[in-house]
């Protein structure tokens, strides 16, 4: 297994991109704090609706030298509501026997999809 890895994907959202992005950025630290008590540093690019999260802490640093997720939200051009979320996760493991961080990626994707679902139920 390689020490360095990248995972990425995209999915459509029903919420307006701006509304989704604001909700996501306001809530991200409390969500991941509940999950693992990890430290999250973030960089927010409001103009392009991009957030970069770097996680560190005992759970992360025991297995990964780096763990960085970038999320970009773009509106649909022909519709007032809806958009697309593109996510990329880059990581570097501390050892070859460490599994890829699929569980953390799954939590992130589920959180993003739940955010969209909650915004549509308001």
N, C-alpha and C. Protein backbone atom coordinates (compact mmCIF):
# COMPACT_ATOMS: atom_id res chain seq x y z
N UNK A 1 0.83 -1.19 0.00
CA UNK A 1 0.00 0.00 0.00
C UNK A 1 0.86 1.24 0.00
N UNK A 2 0.45 2.22 -0.77
CA UNK A 2 1.17 3.49 -0.82
C UNK A 2 0.90 4.29 0.44
N UNK A 3 1.88 5.09 0.86
CA UNK A 3 1.69 5.93 2.04
C UNK A 3 0.82 7.14 1.74
N UNK A 4 0.92 7.66 0.54
CA UNK A 4 0.18 8.86 0.17
C UNK A 4 -1.03 8.46 -0.67
N UNK A 5 -2.15 9.12 -0.42
CA UNK A 5 -3.33 8.80 -1.20
C UNK A 5 -4.24 9.99 -1.40
N UNK A 6 -5.07 9.90 -2.43
CA UNK A 6 -6.06 10.93 -2.74
C UNK A 6 -7.36 10.22 -3.08
N UNK A 7 -8.44 10.75 -2.54
CA UNK A 7 -9.77 10.24 -2.85
C UNK A 7 -10.64 11.45 -3.19
N UNK A 8 -11.48 11.32 -4.20
CA UNK A 8 -12.33 12.46 -4.56
C UNK A 8 -13.63 11.98 -5.16
N UNK A 9 -14.57 12.88 -5.21
CA UNK A 9 -15.86 12.57 -5.79
C UNK A 9 -16.74 13.81 -5.85
N UNK A 10 -17.94 13.63 -6.35
CA UNK A 10 -18.87 14.75 -6.43
C UNK A 10 -20.29 14.22 -6.38
N UNK A 11 -21.20 15.09 -5.98
CA UNK A 11 -22.62 14.75 -5.97
C UNK A 11 -23.44 16.03 -6.04
N UNK A 12 -24.66 15.90 -6.53
CA UNK A 12 -25.56 17.04 -6.66
C UNK A 12 -26.27 17.30 -5.34
N UNK A 13 -26.60 18.58 -5.12
CA UNK A 13 -27.39 18.97 -3.96
C UNK A 13 -28.64 19.70 -4.46
N UNK A 14 -29.69 19.67 -3.65
CA UNK A 14 -30.93 20.35 -4.00
C UNK A 14 -30.97 21.77 -3.45
N UNK A 15 -30.19 22.04 -2.42
CA UNK A 15 -30.16 23.36 -1.78
C UNK A 15 -29.45 24.37 -2.67
N UNK A 16 -29.81 25.65 -2.54
CA UNK A 16 -29.02 26.68 -3.22
C UNK A 16 -27.57 26.62 -2.73
N UNK A 17 -26.63 26.73 -3.64
CA UNK A 17 -25.20 26.57 -3.31
C UNK A 17 -24.76 27.52 -2.21
N UNK A 18 -25.18 28.77 -2.26
CA UNK A 18 -24.76 29.76 -1.26
C UNK A 18 -25.29 29.38 0.13
N UNK A 19 -26.54 29.01 0.20
CA UNK A 19 -27.16 28.62 1.46
C UNK A 19 -26.47 27.37 2.04
N UNK A 20 -26.21 26.41 1.19
CA UNK A 20 -25.53 25.18 1.61
C UNK A 20 -24.14 25.50 2.14
N UNK A 21 -23.40 26.32 1.42
CA UNK A 21 -22.03 26.64 1.80
C UNK A 21 -21.99 27.36 3.16
N UNK A 22 -22.87 28.30 3.37
CA UNK A 22 -22.91 29.03 4.64
C UNK A 22 -23.24 28.07 5.78
N UNK A 23 -24.23 27.23 5.60
CA UNK A 23 -24.60 26.27 6.64
C UNK A 23 -23.45 25.33 6.96
N UNK A 24 -22.82 24.81 5.93
CA UNK A 24 -21.70 23.89 6.10
C UNK A 24 -20.55 24.54 6.86
N UNK A 25 -20.15 25.74 6.47
CA UNK A 25 -19.00 26.39 7.11
C UNK A 25 -19.30 26.82 8.54
N UNK A 26 -20.55 27.13 8.85
CA UNK A 26 -20.89 27.53 10.21
C UNK A 26 -20.88 26.35 11.17
N UNK A 27 -21.10 25.15 10.66
CA UNK A 27 -21.32 23.99 11.51
C UNK A 27 -20.18 22.97 11.53
N UNK A 28 -19.19 23.10 10.68
CA UNK A 28 -18.20 22.03 10.50
C UNK A 28 -17.38 21.73 11.75
N UNK A 29 -16.93 22.74 12.47
CA UNK A 29 -16.10 22.46 13.64
C UNK A 29 -16.85 21.69 14.72
N UNK A 30 -18.08 22.06 14.99
CA UNK A 30 -18.82 21.35 16.04
C UNK A 30 -19.10 19.91 15.63
N UNK A 31 -19.32 19.65 14.37
CA UNK A 31 -19.59 18.29 13.90
C UNK A 31 -18.37 17.40 14.09
N UNK A 32 -17.20 17.83 13.66
CA UNK A 32 -16.03 16.99 13.78
C UNK A 32 -15.50 16.94 15.21
N UNK A 33 -15.80 17.96 16.01
CA UNK A 33 -15.43 17.92 17.42
C UNK A 33 -16.17 16.80 18.12
N UNK A 34 -17.42 16.61 17.78
CA UNK A 34 -18.22 15.53 18.36
C UNK A 34 -17.67 14.17 17.95
N UNK A 35 -17.24 14.05 16.71
CA UNK A 35 -16.78 12.77 16.17
C UNK A 35 -15.52 12.28 16.86
N UNK A 36 -14.51 13.13 16.97
CA UNK A 36 -13.24 12.57 17.40
C UNK A 36 -12.38 13.49 18.27
N UNK A 37 -12.86 14.64 18.61
CA UNK A 37 -12.08 15.60 19.41
C UNK A 37 -10.78 15.97 18.69
N UNK A 38 -10.82 15.92 17.38
CA UNK A 38 -9.65 16.29 16.59
C UNK A 38 -9.63 17.80 16.39
N UNK A 39 -8.45 18.33 16.15
CA UNK A 39 -8.31 19.76 15.87
C UNK A 39 -8.48 19.96 14.36
N UNK A 40 -9.29 20.95 14.03
CA UNK A 40 -9.52 21.24 12.62
C UNK A 40 -9.09 22.67 12.34
N UNK A 41 -8.23 22.81 11.36
CA UNK A 41 -7.92 24.13 10.86
C UNK A 41 -8.60 24.25 9.52
N UNK A 42 -9.14 25.42 9.28
CA UNK A 42 -9.86 25.56 8.03
C UNK A 42 -9.48 26.85 7.32
N UNK A 43 -9.61 26.78 6.04
CA UNK A 43 -9.41 27.93 5.17
C UNK A 43 -10.68 28.03 4.34
N UNK A 44 -11.31 29.20 4.38
CA UNK A 44 -12.56 29.38 3.66
C UNK A 44 -12.34 30.38 2.53
N UNK A 45 -12.68 29.97 1.32
CA UNK A 45 -12.63 30.86 0.16
C UNK A 45 -14.06 31.18 -0.24
N UNK A 46 -14.58 32.29 0.29
CA UNK A 46 -15.98 32.64 0.06
C UNK A 46 -16.30 32.89 -1.40
N UNK A 47 -15.36 33.46 -2.14
CA UNK A 47 -15.63 33.81 -3.54
C UNK A 47 -15.85 32.57 -4.41
N UNK A 48 -15.14 31.50 -4.14
CA UNK A 48 -15.30 30.26 -4.92
C UNK A 48 -16.04 29.18 -4.14
N UNK A 49 -16.55 29.51 -2.96
CA UNK A 49 -17.25 28.57 -2.09
C UNK A 49 -16.42 27.31 -1.86
N UNK A 50 -15.20 27.50 -1.37
CA UNK A 50 -14.28 26.39 -1.12
C UNK A 50 -13.82 26.41 0.34
N UNK A 51 -13.83 25.24 0.94
CA UNK A 51 -13.33 25.07 2.31
C UNK A 51 -12.24 24.00 2.27
N UNK A 52 -11.13 24.28 2.93
CA UNK A 52 -10.08 23.29 3.09
C UNK A 52 -9.94 23.02 4.59
N UNK A 53 -10.04 21.76 4.96
CA UNK A 53 -9.94 21.34 6.35
C UNK A 53 -8.70 20.48 6.52
N UNK A 54 -7.91 20.79 7.53
CA UNK A 54 -6.77 19.95 7.89
C UNK A 54 -7.03 19.45 9.30
N UNK A 55 -7.04 18.14 9.45
CA UNK A 55 -7.32 17.56 10.76
C UNK A 55 -6.03 17.08 11.41
N UNK A 56 -5.97 17.28 12.73
CA UNK A 56 -4.85 16.77 13.50
C UNK A 56 -5.34 16.43 14.90
N UNK A 57 -4.60 15.64 15.60
CA UNK A 57 -4.99 15.20 16.94
C UNK A 57 -4.56 13.77 17.12
N UNK A 58 -4.85 13.21 18.27
CA UNK A 58 -4.37 11.86 18.58
C UNK A 58 -4.83 10.82 17.59
N UNK A 59 -6.10 10.81 17.26
CA UNK A 59 -6.63 9.80 16.35
C UNK A 59 -6.01 9.92 14.96
N UNK A 60 -5.87 11.13 14.48
CA UNK A 60 -5.31 11.37 13.15
C UNK A 60 -3.79 11.16 13.17
N UNK A 61 -3.09 11.81 14.09
CA UNK A 61 -1.62 11.78 14.05
C UNK A 61 -1.03 10.41 14.34
N UNK A 62 -1.79 9.53 14.99
CA UNK A 62 -1.29 8.17 15.20
C UNK A 62 -1.20 7.39 13.89
N UNK A 63 -2.06 7.73 12.94
CA UNK A 63 -2.12 6.96 11.69
C UNK A 63 -1.73 7.76 10.45
N UNK A 64 -1.88 9.07 10.51
CA UNK A 64 -1.67 9.89 9.31
C UNK A 64 -0.78 11.08 9.61
N UNK A 65 0.22 11.29 8.75
CA UNK A 65 1.06 12.48 8.87
C UNK A 65 0.27 13.71 8.46
N UNK A 66 -0.54 13.56 7.41
CA UNK A 66 -1.39 14.65 6.95
C UNK A 66 -2.76 14.11 6.59
N UNK A 67 -3.77 14.96 6.80
CA UNK A 67 -5.13 14.65 6.38
C UNK A 67 -5.79 15.97 6.04
N UNK A 68 -6.06 16.17 4.75
CA UNK A 68 -6.62 17.43 4.29
C UNK A 68 -7.79 17.16 3.36
N UNK A 69 -8.90 17.82 3.64
CA UNK A 69 -10.10 17.70 2.79
C UNK A 69 -10.43 19.06 2.20
N UNK A 70 -10.75 19.08 0.92
CA UNK A 70 -11.17 20.30 0.24
C UNK A 70 -12.56 20.07 -0.33
N UNK A 71 -13.48 20.98 0.01
CA UNK A 71 -14.87 20.89 -0.44
C UNK A 71 -15.20 22.16 -1.20
N UNK A 72 -15.71 22.01 -2.42
CA UNK A 72 -16.12 23.14 -3.24
C UNK A 72 -17.59 22.96 -3.61
N UNK A 73 -18.35 24.04 -3.46
CA UNK A 73 -19.78 24.02 -3.77
C UNK A 73 -20.03 24.98 -4.93
N UNK A 74 -20.60 24.46 -6.02
CA UNK A 74 -20.89 25.31 -7.17
C UNK A 74 -22.39 25.28 -7.47
N UNK A 75 -22.94 26.44 -7.84
CA UNK A 75 -24.37 26.47 -8.17
C UNK A 75 -24.62 25.87 -9.55
N UNK A 76 -25.86 25.43 -9.76
CA UNK A 76 -26.24 24.99 -11.10
C UNK A 76 -26.47 26.24 -11.93
N UNK A 77 -25.97 26.24 -13.13
CA UNK A 77 -26.05 27.44 -13.98
C UNK A 77 -27.47 27.76 -14.42
N UNK A 78 -28.26 26.76 -14.69
CA UNK A 78 -29.57 26.99 -15.27
C UNK A 78 -30.73 26.90 -14.28
N UNK A 79 -30.41 26.76 -12.98
CA UNK A 79 -31.46 26.64 -11.97
C UNK A 79 -31.13 27.51 -10.76
N UNK A 80 -32.15 28.15 -10.16
CA UNK A 80 -31.88 28.98 -8.98
C UNK A 80 -31.51 28.15 -7.75
N UNK A 81 -32.05 26.95 -7.66
CA UNK A 81 -31.74 26.07 -6.54
C UNK A 81 -30.87 24.93 -7.04
N UNK A 82 -30.17 24.33 -6.11
CA UNK A 82 -29.35 23.18 -6.46
C UNK A 82 -27.92 23.56 -6.79
N UNK A 83 -27.09 22.57 -6.75
CA UNK A 83 -25.68 22.79 -7.03
C UNK A 83 -24.95 21.47 -7.03
N UNK A 84 -23.65 21.56 -6.92
CA UNK A 84 -22.82 20.36 -6.90
C UNK A 84 -21.73 20.54 -5.85
N UNK A 85 -21.47 19.47 -5.13
CA UNK A 85 -20.39 19.43 -4.15
C UNK A 85 -19.29 18.56 -4.71
N UNK A 86 -18.08 19.10 -4.75
CA UNK A 86 -16.91 18.34 -5.17
C UNK A 86 -15.99 18.26 -3.95
N UNK A 87 -15.58 17.06 -3.61
CA UNK A 87 -14.71 16.88 -2.46
C UNK A 87 -13.45 16.11 -2.86
N UNK A 88 -12.35 16.49 -2.24
CA UNK A 88 -11.07 15.81 -2.43
C UNK A 88 -10.42 15.65 -1.06
N UNK A 89 -9.95 14.46 -0.77
CA UNK A 89 -9.25 14.20 0.48
C UNK A 89 -7.85 13.70 0.13
N UNK A 90 -6.86 14.37 0.70
CA UNK A 90 -5.47 13.95 0.54
C UNK A 90 -4.95 13.52 1.90
N UNK A 91 -4.19 12.44 1.92
CA UNK A 91 -3.66 11.95 3.19
C UNK A 91 -2.31 11.29 2.97
N UNK A 92 -1.55 11.24 4.06
CA UNK A 92 -0.29 10.50 4.07
C UNK A 92 -0.25 9.67 5.35
N UNK A 93 -0.13 8.38 5.18
CA UNK A 93 -0.12 7.46 6.32
C UNK A 93 1.26 7.46 6.99
N UNK A 94 1.25 7.12 8.28
CA UNK A 94 2.52 7.04 9.01
C UNK A 94 3.26 5.73 8.74
N UNK A 95 2.48 4.68 8.36
CA UNK A 95 3.07 3.37 8.08
C UNK A 95 2.30 2.70 6.95
N UNK A 96 2.91 1.72 6.33
CA UNK A 96 2.27 1.00 5.22
C UNK A 96 1.09 0.14 5.67
N UNK A 97 1.07 -0.30 6.91
CA UNK A 97 0.00 -1.19 7.36
C UNK A 97 -1.28 -0.45 7.79
N UNK A 98 -1.30 0.86 7.69
CA UNK A 98 -2.47 1.68 8.03
C UNK A 98 -3.45 1.65 6.85
N UNK A 99 -4.72 1.47 7.16
CA UNK A 99 -5.76 1.48 6.13
C UNK A 99 -6.02 2.91 5.65
N UNK A 100 -6.53 3.04 4.43
CA UNK A 100 -6.96 4.34 3.94
C UNK A 100 -8.08 4.86 4.85
N UNK A 101 -8.20 6.17 5.02
CA UNK A 101 -9.17 6.74 5.97
C UNK A 101 -10.61 6.77 5.42
N UNK A 102 -11.08 5.63 4.97
CA UNK A 102 -12.41 5.54 4.36
C UNK A 102 -13.50 5.96 5.34
N UNK A 103 -13.36 5.59 6.61
CA UNK A 103 -14.39 5.91 7.60
C UNK A 103 -14.53 7.41 7.80
N UNK A 104 -13.41 8.15 7.77
CA UNK A 104 -13.48 9.61 7.93
C UNK A 104 -14.13 10.22 6.69
N UNK A 105 -13.78 9.73 5.52
CA UNK A 105 -14.37 10.22 4.27
C UNK A 105 -15.87 9.94 4.26
N UNK A 106 -16.27 8.76 4.70
CA UNK A 106 -17.70 8.44 4.77
C UNK A 106 -18.45 9.38 5.70
N UNK A 107 -17.87 9.70 6.84
CA UNK A 107 -18.50 10.64 7.78
C UNK A 107 -18.67 12.00 7.12
N UNK A 108 -17.64 12.46 6.43
CA UNK A 108 -17.70 13.76 5.74
C UNK A 108 -18.80 13.77 4.69
N UNK A 109 -18.85 12.77 3.85
CA UNK A 109 -19.84 12.72 2.77
C UNK A 109 -21.25 12.62 3.36
N UNK A 110 -21.44 11.79 4.37
CA UNK A 110 -22.75 11.69 5.00
C UNK A 110 -23.16 13.01 5.63
N UNK A 111 -22.22 13.69 6.25
CA UNK A 111 -22.51 15.00 6.85
C UNK A 111 -22.96 16.00 5.78
N UNK A 112 -22.25 16.03 4.66
CA UNK A 112 -22.61 16.95 3.58
C UNK A 112 -24.00 16.65 3.03
N UNK A 113 -24.29 15.38 2.84
CA UNK A 113 -25.61 14.99 2.32
C UNK A 113 -26.72 15.29 3.33
N UNK A 114 -26.45 15.09 4.61
CA UNK A 114 -27.43 15.41 5.65
C UNK A 114 -27.66 16.91 5.73
N UNK A 115 -26.62 17.70 5.54
CA UNK A 115 -26.77 19.16 5.53
C UNK A 115 -27.73 19.57 4.43
N UNK A 116 -27.57 19.01 3.24
CA UNK A 116 -28.46 19.31 2.12
C UNK A 116 -29.89 18.89 2.45
N UNK A 117 -30.03 17.70 3.00
CA UNK A 117 -31.37 17.18 3.34
C UNK A 117 -32.04 18.07 4.38
N UNK A 118 -31.31 18.48 5.41
CA UNK A 118 -31.86 19.34 6.45
C UNK A 118 -32.27 20.70 5.90
N UNK A 119 -31.50 21.26 5.01
CA UNK A 119 -31.83 22.56 4.43
C UNK A 119 -33.11 22.47 3.58
N UNK A 120 -33.31 21.34 2.95
CA UNK A 120 -34.49 21.16 2.12
C UNK A 120 -35.75 20.87 2.93
N UNK A 121 -35.58 20.49 4.19
CA UNK A 121 -36.72 20.21 5.05
C UNK A 121 -37.15 21.40 5.89
N UNK A 122 -36.46 22.54 5.73
CA UNK A 122 -36.82 23.73 6.50
C UNK A 122 -38.07 24.37 5.95
